[in-house]
Amino acid sequence: MKHRIAVEKLGAHGEAMAKAVEACVHCGFCLPDCPTYRELGQEMDSPRGRIVLMKEVLEGNLELSRALPHVDRCLGCLACETTCPSGVEYGELISPFRDYAESRRSRGIFSSLKRRFLSATLTHPDRFRRLARLATLVRPLRRILPRSLRAPLDLMPGRIPARETLSSHYPAQGCERRGRIALLCGCAQQVLAPQINLATIDILTRHGIEVDIPKIQGCCGALAWHIGDGPRARIQARQNLKAFAGEIDAVITNAAGCGSGLQEYPLILAGTRELEAAQAFAARVSDISVFLDAMTLAPPPDPGKKLKIAYHDACHLAHAQGVRDAPRRLLRSIPDIELIELPDANLCCGSAGTYNLDHPEIAGQLGAKKAAIIADTGADMVASGNIGCLSQLKNHMEKINCRIPIVHTVEIMAAAYRNELS
């Protein structure tokens, strides 16, 4: 696809955006794995359709307002990148385009206030905890509330776990020291599932890894970046470059969306004086499953019973980071485990950051389909690597009254090494 995009007017992202546009040959291989195309059946709600729309806007042939409804409906799951035979870097187009569009679009008062509210709460654990507790009180009134408020309430658990205050440093336990890492704790995860960080610390220190928790760390910036709030994403990226500047072997994440966001710092900070630091930082970022897999750990003890575990690929782990094998190898290392592969595994569950808040109907349809697939497996539990997926799946499993536990991969591994897996 030849383009006439004035890349110089697009700043630091211009060349990458133009390259992504030009690489698309409209073959259609992306269509079967695009969640919105499958749900809506519209060409403009497919990756190649959106690429055409963005190209036309950037070339000055189409009004931005004509393209935005379709661009906004993209989950950013990047399944299209995995399946694309032409190597289109869709992620290097969609997020910069949203950043480009945000300062040029007109939002209504409600939409603007909603964005500000989400940014001011979801990325601040203390504020989000207060909001989550309020939501549990209001949840019984769900049926009489406006539809716009029902989706957020559905995503909140019936009980908010107790706050876990983490120390700044955890020494290696019980064996020779093997390394030192810094852990990104996540924002919503600290509130909704603090046990994931505890399991991460447990399994790392158990195997000789010191764990640092930088106190000045903040939101990874993924939420802001993926909704087009580039200025906020850059502020958050700069904060974490400072927070994780110590002498460590790796920056570990246990949330796929956060890990993907950290690895996008070179894109977020393109054209800035921090670019080189962002590149060095991104090279040190590792998902917990990849880090553990590379350690070649001895197998956990036999749990004493056979268990069937279904594995759900989080989009920003499988597609954005290309991590598929590591978590599967970890789970298969547990004796007597049968690992179940989900049919239609590339299909997004509908979480996608704030997508299930911004587009609850599409997200709900995707979540319901994924829950039905899981229920049919007969698995004893489901493992995944992202707090958004875990929350979305739990919500939709409850709706069909299916009680299969949905847990993080690292929770399963930590329990296995403690010989507490059941």
Protein backbone atom coordinates (compact mmCIF):
# COMPACT_ATOMS: atom_id res chain seq x y z
CA MET A 1 0.00 0.00 0.00
CA LYS A 2 1.66 3.22 -1.10
CA HIS A 3 1.16 6.18 1.17
CA ARG A 4 1.36 9.94 1.03
CA ILE A 5 1.52 10.42 4.79
CA ALA A 6 3.40 13.54 5.81
CA VAL A 7 5.53 11.70 8.37
CA GLU A 8 7.32 14.86 9.43
CA LYS A 9 4.05 16.21 10.80
CA LEU A 10 3.56 13.13 12.98
CA GLY A 11 6.69 13.64 15.02
CA ALA A 12 8.75 10.76 16.36
CA HIS A 13 6.15 8.12 15.48
CA GLY A 14 5.67 9.16 11.87
CA GLU A 15 8.06 6.72 10.20
CA ALA A 16 6.83 3.72 12.20
CA MET A 17 3.19 4.59 11.50
CA ALA A 18 3.83 5.01 7.79
CA LYS A 19 5.76 1.74 7.68
CA ALA A 20 2.89 -0.14 9.32
CA VAL A 21 0.41 1.35 6.85
CA GLU A 22 2.59 0.47 3.86
CA ALA A 23 3.22 -3.10 5.04
CA CYS A 24 -0.48 -4.06 4.95
CA VAL A 25 -1.38 -5.83 1.70
CA HIS A 26 -5.07 -6.36 2.57
CA CYS A 27 -4.74 -10.15 2.48
CA GLY A 28 -7.39 -10.71 5.14
CA PHE A 29 -5.48 -13.27 7.21
CA CYS A 30 -6.16 -11.07 10.26
CA LEU A 31 -9.93 -11.24 9.98
CA PRO A 32 -10.63 -14.61 11.70
CA ASP A 33 -8.61 -13.61 14.77
CA CYS A 34 -9.97 -10.07 15.13
CA PRO A 35 -12.55 -10.03 17.96
CA THR A 36 -14.49 -7.00 16.74
CA TYR A 37 -14.66 -8.22 13.15
CA ARG A 38 -16.02 -11.53 14.37
CA GLU A 39 -18.59 -9.85 16.58
CA LEU A 40 -19.65 -7.02 14.26
CA GLY A 41 -18.87 -8.42 10.80
CA GLN A 42 -17.87 -5.00 9.46
CA GLU A 43 -14.76 -4.47 7.35
CA MET A 44 -14.05 -1.15 9.04
CA ASP A 45 -13.97 -2.96 12.40
CA SER A 46 -11.13 -5.22 11.24
CA PRO A 47 -7.39 -4.50 11.38
CA ARG A 48 -7.05 -3.96 7.63
CA GLY A 49 -10.17 -1.79 7.63
CA ARG A 50 -8.83 0.36 10.45
CA ILE A 51 -5.48 0.66 8.70
CA VAL A 52 -7.26 2.07 5.65
CA LEU A 53 -9.19 4.52 7.82
CA MET A 54 -6.08 5.69 9.66
CA LYS A 55 -4.18 6.02 6.38
CA GLU A 56 -6.92 8.17 4.88
CA VAL A 57 -7.02 10.40 7.95
CA LEU A 58 -3.25 10.83 8.02
CA GLU A 59 -3.20 11.64 4.31
CA GLY A 60 -5.91 14.25 4.79
CA ASN A 61 -8.55 12.42 2.74
CA LEU A 62 -10.96 11.57 5.57
CA GLU A 63 -12.32 13.47 8.53
CA LEU A 64 -11.04 12.13 11.83
CA SER A 65 -14.56 11.83 13.22
CA ARG A 66 -15.44 9.29 10.49
CA ALA A 67 -12.65 6.96 11.56
CA LEU A 68 -12.78 7.29 15.33
CA PRO A 69 -15.79 5.03 16.08
CA HIS A 70 -14.04 2.11 14.42
CA VAL A 71 -10.59 2.88 15.84
CA ASP A 72 -12.09 3.25 19.31
CA ARG A 73 -13.67 -0.21 19.06
CA CYS A 74 -10.27 -1.88 18.59
CA LEU A 75 -9.30 -3.87 21.69
CA GLY A 76 -5.60 -3.56 20.92
CA CYS A 77 -5.23 -7.30 21.53
CA LEU A 78 -2.68 -7.57 18.68
CA ALA A 79 -3.91 -10.99 17.57
CA CYS A 80 -3.64 -9.51 14.07
CA GLU A 81 0.13 -9.11 14.52
CA THR A 82 0.49 -12.79 15.39
CA THR A 83 -1.41 -13.96 12.33
CA CYS A 84 -0.20 -11.35 9.81
CA PRO A 85 2.06 -12.92 7.12
CA SER A 86 3.35 -9.48 6.09
CA GLY A 87 4.65 -8.53 9.52
CA VAL A 88 2.49 -5.43 9.97
CA GLU A 89 3.46 -3.77 13.27
CA TYR A 90 -0.13 -2.83 14.08
CA GLY A 91 0.75 -1.86 17.66
CA GLU A 92 3.13 0.80 16.35
CA LEU A 93 0.22 2.35 14.46
CA ILE A 94 -2.89 2.06 16.63
CA SER A 95 -1.56 3.55 19.88
CA PRO A 96 0.39 6.43 18.25
CA PHE A 97 -2.67 7.15 16.10
CA ARG A 98 -4.84 7.37 19.21
CA ASP A 99 -2.28 9.71 20.74
CA TYR A 100 -2.35 11.79 17.53
CA ALA A 101 -6.14 11.82 17.46
CA GLU A 102 -6.82 12.65 21.09
CA SER A 103 -5.78 16.31 20.85
CA ARG A 104 -7.75 16.71 17.63
CA ARG A 105 -11.04 15.11 18.58
CA SER A 106 -14.08 16.56 20.29
CA ARG A 107 -15.32 14.68 23.34
CA GLY A 108 -18.58 15.22 25.16
CA ILE A 109 -18.59 16.24 28.81
CA PHE A 110 -19.52 12.75 30.05
CA SER A 111 -16.80 11.07 27.99
CA SER A 112 -14.17 13.54 29.17
CA LEU A 113 -15.17 13.22 32.82
CA LYS A 114 -15.21 9.43 32.58
CA ARG A 115 -11.66 9.34 31.17
CA ARG A 116 -10.38 11.67 33.86
CA PHE A 117 -12.11 9.66 36.57
CA LEU A 118 -10.69 6.34 35.38
CA SER A 119 -7.19 7.79 35.07
CA ALA A 120 -7.44 9.30 38.54
CA THR A 121 -8.62 6.07 40.21
CA LEU A 122 -7.53 2.91 38.38
CA THR A 123 -3.85 3.90 38.40
CA HIS A 124 -3.80 4.79 42.10
CA PRO A 125 -4.26 1.70 44.33
CA ASP A 126 -5.45 3.59 47.43
CA ARG A 127 -8.10 5.49 45.48
CA PHE A 128 -9.11 2.38 43.58
CA ARG A 129 -9.47 0.44 46.84
CA ARG A 130 -11.91 3.02 48.18
CA LEU A 131 -13.85 2.93 44.92
CA ALA A 132 -13.93 -0.88 44.92
CA ARG A 133 -15.26 -0.98 48.47
CA LEU A 134 -17.97 1.50 47.55
CA ALA A 135 -18.86 -0.66 44.55
CA THR A 136 -19.39 -3.72 46.75
CA LEU A 137 -21.91 -1.73 48.79
CA VAL A 138 -23.75 -0.47 45.72
CA ARG A 139 -23.73 -3.77 43.84
CA PRO A 140 -27.06 -5.02 45.28
CA LEU A 141 -28.70 -2.01 43.61
CA ARG A 142 -27.31 -2.92 40.20
CA ARG A 143 -30.67 -3.48 38.51
CA ILE A 144 -31.95 0.01 39.19
CA LEU A 145 -28.74 1.79 38.16
CA PRO A 146 -28.06 3.24 34.69
CA ARG A 147 -26.54 0.78 32.23
CA SER A 148 -23.32 2.82 32.10
CA LEU A 149 -22.71 1.98 35.78
CA ARG A 150 -23.52 -1.72 35.63
CA ALA A 151 -20.40 -2.84 33.75
CA PRO A 152 -17.96 -1.45 36.36
CA LEU A 153 -19.98 -3.04 39.16
CA ASP A 154 -19.98 -6.43 37.42
CA LEU A 155 -16.19 -6.41 37.29
CA MET A 156 -15.76 -5.84 41.01
CA PRO A 157 -15.46 -8.92 43.25
CA GLY A 158 -18.03 -9.52 45.96
CA ARG A 159 -15.31 -8.99 48.56
CA ILE A 160 -12.22 -6.80 48.41
CA PRO A 161 -9.17 -8.61 49.82
CA ALA A 162 -7.38 -7.12 52.79
CA ARG A 163 -4.58 -4.70 51.99
CA GLU A 164 -1.11 -6.27 51.76
CA THR A 165 1.71 -3.91 52.65
CA LEU A 166 4.86 -5.00 50.87
CA SER A 167 8.38 -4.46 52.18
CA SER A 168 10.99 -2.71 50.07
CA HIS A 169 13.26 -5.78 50.05
CA TYR A 170 12.87 -9.55 50.36
CA PRO A 171 16.08 -11.58 50.80
CA ALA A 172 16.68 -14.94 49.14
CA GLN A 173 15.58 -17.86 51.32
CA GLY A 174 16.93 -21.32 51.95
CA CYS A 175 19.49 -21.63 49.17
CA GLU A 176 22.38 -19.92 47.47
CA ARG A 177 21.62 -16.41 46.18
CA ARG A 178 21.06 -16.58 42.41
CA GLY A 179 20.14 -13.02 41.50
CA ARG A 180 18.24 -9.85 42.30
CA ILE A 181 15.15 -8.43 40.61
CA ALA A 182 12.78 -5.51 41.02
CA LEU A 183 9.05 -6.21 40.95
CA LEU A 184 6.38 -4.01 39.38
CA CYS A 185 3.37 -4.43 41.66
CA GLY A 186 0.61 -3.27 39.33
CA CYS A 187 -2.23 -0.88 40.16
CA ALA A 188 -5.60 -2.65 40.14
CA GLN A 189 -3.88 -5.94 40.91
CA GLN A 190 -2.71 -4.70 44.33
CA VAL A 191 -6.38 -4.16 45.21
CA LEU A 192 -8.17 -7.01 43.45
CA ALA A 193 -5.61 -9.81 43.83
CA PRO A 194 -2.71 -8.94 46.18
CA GLN A 195 -1.95 -12.65 46.54
CA ILE A 196 -0.41 -12.63 43.05
CA ASN A 197 2.46 -10.43 44.22
CA LEU A 198 2.85 -12.52 47.37
CA ALA A 199 3.06 -15.70 45.29
CA THR A 200 5.61 -14.06 43.00
CA ILE A 201 7.79 -13.03 45.95
CA ASP A 202 7.43 -16.46 47.54
CA ILE A 203 8.53 -18.47 44.53
CA LEU A 204 11.40 -16.13 43.66
CA THR A 205 12.90 -15.91 47.16
CA ARG A 206 12.40 -19.68 47.61
CA HIS A 207 14.69 -20.20 44.64
CA GLY A 208 17.44 -17.79 45.63
CA ILE A 209 16.26 -14.52 44.07
CA GLU A 210 16.29 -11.30 46.07
CA VAL A 211 13.23 -9.13 45.40
CA ASP A 212 13.19 -5.34 45.55
CA ILE A 213 9.95 -3.36 45.61
CA PRO A 214 10.80 0.21 44.51
CA LYS A 215 8.61 2.49 46.57
CA ILE A 216 8.48 5.31 44.02
CA GLN A 217 7.19 3.05 41.25
CA GLY A 218 3.89 4.05 39.68
CA CYS A 219 1.48 2.93 37.00
CA CYS A 220 3.23 1.31 34.04
CA GLY A 221 1.51 3.74 31.67
CA ALA A 222 -0.15 1.09 29.51
CA LEU A 223 -3.68 2.23 30.29
CA ALA A 224 -2.93 5.83 29.32
CA TRP A 225 -0.94 4.89 26.22
CA HIS A 226 -3.54 2.52 24.82
CA ILE A 227 -6.37 5.07 25.11
CA GLY A 228 -4.37 7.84 23.47
CA ASP A 229 -3.25 9.79 26.53
CA GLY A 230 0.36 10.07 25.42
CA PRO A 231 1.34 12.93 27.78
CA ARG A 232 0.25 10.97 30.85
CA ALA A 233 1.91 7.78 29.58
CA ARG A 234 5.20 9.63 29.13
CA ILE A 235 5.04 11.03 32.66
CA GLN A 236 4.43 7.55 34.07
CA ALA A 237 7.19 6.01 31.95
CA ARG A 238 9.70 8.59 33.15
CA GLN A 239 8.72 7.95 36.75
CA ASN A 240 9.41 4.23 36.39
CA LEU A 241 12.71 4.78 34.64
CA LYS A 242 13.79 6.51 37.85
CA ALA A 243 12.17 3.95 40.14
CA PHE A 244 13.84 0.91 38.54
CA ALA A 245 17.27 2.44 37.98
CA GLY A 246 19.07 0.27 40.57
CA GLU A 247 21.56 -2.55 40.11
CA ILE A 248 19.22 -5.43 39.33
CA ASP A 249 19.19 -8.39 36.96
CA ALA A 250 15.65 -7.85 35.68
CA VAL A 251 12.43 -5.92 36.08
CA ILE A 252 9.74 -8.54 36.69
CA THR A 253 6.06 -8.15 35.90
CA ASN A 254 3.23 -10.56 36.64
CA ALA A 255 0.56 -8.77 34.62
CA ALA A 256 0.67 -9.15 30.85
CA GLY A 257 -0.73 -5.69 30.18
CA CYS A 258 1.84 -4.06 32.44
CA GLY A 259 4.72 -6.05 30.98
CA SER A 260 3.68 -5.09 27.47
CA GLY A 261 3.41 -1.45 28.56
CA LEU A 262 6.91 -1.46 30.06
CA GLN A 263 8.34 -2.98 26.89
CA GLU A 264 6.68 -0.20 24.89
CA TYR A 265 8.66 2.53 26.66
CA PRO A 266 10.92 3.02 23.59
CA LEU A 267 7.76 3.68 21.55
CA ILE A 268 6.15 5.87 24.21
CA LEU A 269 9.34 7.89 24.69
CA ALA A 270 10.36 7.98 21.02
CA GLY A 271 11.97 11.28 20.10
CA THR A 272 12.77 12.21 23.71
CA ARG A 273 16.08 12.42 25.51
CA GLU A 274 15.04 9.34 27.55
CA LEU A 275 14.84 7.06 24.50
CA GLU A 276 18.17 5.33 25.12
CA ALA A 277 17.31 4.76 28.78
CA ALA A 278 13.89 3.45 27.73
CA GLN A 279 15.49 0.95 25.35
CA ALA A 280 17.87 -0.32 28.04
CA PHE A 281 14.99 -0.53 30.52
CA ALA A 282 12.71 -2.45 28.14
CA ALA A 283 15.48 -4.99 27.51
CA ARG A 284 15.50 -5.82 31.24
CA VAL A 285 11.73 -6.36 31.51
CA SER A 286 10.60 -9.98 31.83
CA ASP A 287 7.31 -11.65 32.60
CA ILE A 288 7.50 -13.82 35.72
CA SER A 289 6.80 -16.96 33.66
CA VAL A 290 9.72 -16.25 31.32
CA PHE A 291 12.07 -15.52 34.21
CA LEU A 292 11.15 -18.71 36.10
CA ASP A 293 11.32 -20.81 32.96
CA ALA A 294 14.84 -19.55 32.23
CA MET A 295 15.95 -20.60 35.74
CA THR A 296 15.31 -24.27 34.85
CA LEU A 297 13.92 -25.05 38.28
CA ALA A 298 13.64 -28.54 39.68
CA PRO A 299 10.08 -29.86 39.35
CA PRO A 300 7.70 -29.20 42.26
CA PRO A 301 6.71 -32.11 44.52
CA ASP A 302 3.91 -34.40 43.42
CA PRO A 303 0.59 -32.82 44.52
CA GLY A 304 -0.77 -36.28 45.30
CA LYS A 305 -3.66 -36.04 42.87
CA LYS A 306 -4.16 -35.58 39.17
CA LEU A 307 -5.29 -32.11 38.15
CA LYS A 308 -6.52 -30.74 34.83
CA ILE A 309 -5.43 -27.15 34.27
CA ALA A 310 -6.69 -25.11 31.33
CA TYR A 311 -4.38 -22.34 30.19
CA HIS A 312 -5.81 -19.05 28.90
CA ASP A 313 -3.45 -16.95 26.79
CA ALA A 314 -3.56 -13.30 27.86
CA CYS A 315 -3.38 -11.26 24.66
CA HIS A 316 -0.62 -8.96 25.86
CA LEU A 317 1.45 -11.95 26.86
CA ALA A 318 0.89 -14.15 23.80
CA HIS A 319 0.61 -11.50 21.08
CA ALA A 320 2.33 -8.38 22.38
CA GLN A 321 5.23 -10.16 24.11
CA GLY A 322 5.27 -13.42 22.18
CA VAL A 323 5.18 -15.46 25.39
CA ARG A 324 3.34 -18.75 24.97
CA ASP A 325 5.66 -21.62 25.77
CA ALA A 326 7.16 -20.51 29.09
CA PRO A 327 3.97 -20.63 31.20
CA ARG A 328 2.99 -23.93 29.62
CA ARG A 329 6.37 -25.47 30.42
CA LEU A 330 6.09 -24.32 34.02
CA LEU A 331 2.64 -25.85 34.44
CA ARG A 332 3.68 -29.11 32.76
CA SER A 333 6.61 -29.38 35.18
CA ILE A 334 4.12 -30.14 37.98
CA PRO A 335 3.74 -33.93 38.33
CA ASP A 336 0.37 -35.42 37.36
CA ILE A 337 -0.83 -32.22 35.66
CA GLU A 338 -2.83 -32.46 32.46
CA LEU A 339 -2.61 -29.15 30.60
CA ILE A 340 -5.70 -28.36 28.56
CA GLU A 341 -5.50 -26.10 25.53
CA LEU A 342 -8.57 -23.93 25.02
CA PRO A 343 -10.27 -23.99 21.63
CA ASP A 344 -10.13 -20.65 19.79
CA ALA A 345 -7.25 -19.65 22.05
CA ASN A 346 -6.36 -16.52 20.03
CA LEU A 347 -9.73 -14.93 20.75
CA CYS A 348 -9.54 -12.09 23.28
CA CYS A 349 -11.63 -12.45 26.45
CA GLY A 350 -12.76 -8.82 26.14
CA SER A 351 -10.92 -7.30 29.08
CA ALA A 352 -8.26 -5.21 27.29
CA GLY A 353 -7.52 -2.54 29.88
CA THR A 354 -10.58 -0.31 30.17
CA TYR A 355 -12.28 -1.81 27.11
CA ASN A 356 -14.88 -3.67 29.16
CA LEU A 357 -15.79 -0.30 30.69
CA ASP A 358 -15.79 1.65 27.43
CA HIS A 359 -17.47 -1.02 25.27
CA PRO A 360 -19.27 -3.32 27.74
CA GLU A 361 -21.56 -4.92 25.14
CA ILE A 362 -18.76 -6.21 22.88
CA ALA A 363 -16.59 -7.08 25.89
CA GLY A 364 -19.52 -8.95 27.42
CA GLN A 365 -20.09 -11.01 24.30
CA LEU A 366 -16.43 -11.98 24.16
CA GLY A 367 -16.32 -12.78 27.87
CA ALA A 368 -19.42 -14.96 27.62
CA LYS A 369 -17.93 -16.95 24.74
CA LYS A 370 -14.67 -17.50 26.57
CA ALA A 371 -16.50 -18.59 29.74
CA ALA A 372 -18.55 -21.13 27.78
CA ILE A 373 -15.38 -22.56 26.22
CA ILE A 374 -13.76 -22.91 29.65
CA ALA A 375 -16.83 -24.51 31.20
CA ASP A 376 -16.82 -27.21 28.51
CA THR A 377 -13.25 -28.29 29.31
CA GLY A 378 -14.06 -29.86 32.66
CA ALA A 379 -10.84 -28.38 34.01
CA ASP A 380 -10.10 -28.27 37.74
CA MET A 381 -8.75 -24.74 37.40
CA VAL A 382 -7.78 -22.15 34.82
CA ALA A 383 -4.41 -20.39 34.71
CA SER A 384 -3.68 -17.06 33.08
CA GLY A 385 -1.10 -14.29 33.36
CA ASN A 386 -3.04 -11.03 33.53
CA ILE A 387 -5.23 -9.45 36.20
CA GLY A 388 -7.63 -8.04 33.60
CA CYS A 389 -8.24 -11.47 32.12
CA LEU A 390 -8.66 -13.02 35.56
CA SER A 391 -11.28 -10.45 36.56
CA GLN A 392 -13.14 -10.72 33.25
CA LEU A 393 -13.19 -14.52 33.29
CA LYS A 394 -14.29 -14.71 36.93
CA ASN A 395 -17.15 -12.33 36.20
CA HIS A 396 -18.45 -14.33 33.25
CA MET A 397 -17.91 -17.70 34.92
CA GLU A 398 -20.10 -16.50 37.78
CA LYS A 399 -22.81 -15.52 35.31
CA ILE A 400 -23.08 -19.11 34.06
CA ASN A 401 -22.73 -20.48 37.61
CA CYS A 402 -19.48 -22.26 36.80
CA ARG A 403 -17.19 -22.59 39.81
CA ILE A 404 -13.91 -23.49 38.13
CA PRO A 405 -11.24 -21.39 39.92
CA ILE A 406 -9.51 -18.75 37.78
CA VAL A 407 -5.99 -18.12 39.08
CA HIS A 408 -2.67 -16.66 38.03
CA THR A 409 -0.03 -19.06 36.74
CA VAL A 410 2.42 -17.96 39.43
CA GLU A 411 -0.14 -18.72 42.16
CA ILE A 412 -0.33 -22.30 40.92
CA MET A 413 3.45 -22.63 40.77
CA ALA A 414 3.99 -21.13 44.23
CA ALA A 415 1.36 -23.45 45.72
CA ALA A 416 2.94 -26.43 43.95
CA TYR A 417 6.36 -25.71 45.45
CA ARG A 418 4.77 -25.34 48.89
CA ASN A 419 3.08 -28.69 48.25
CA GLU A 420 -0.29 -27.02 48.80
CA LEU A 421 -1.78 -27.51 45.34
CA SER A 422 -5.21 -29.10 45.36
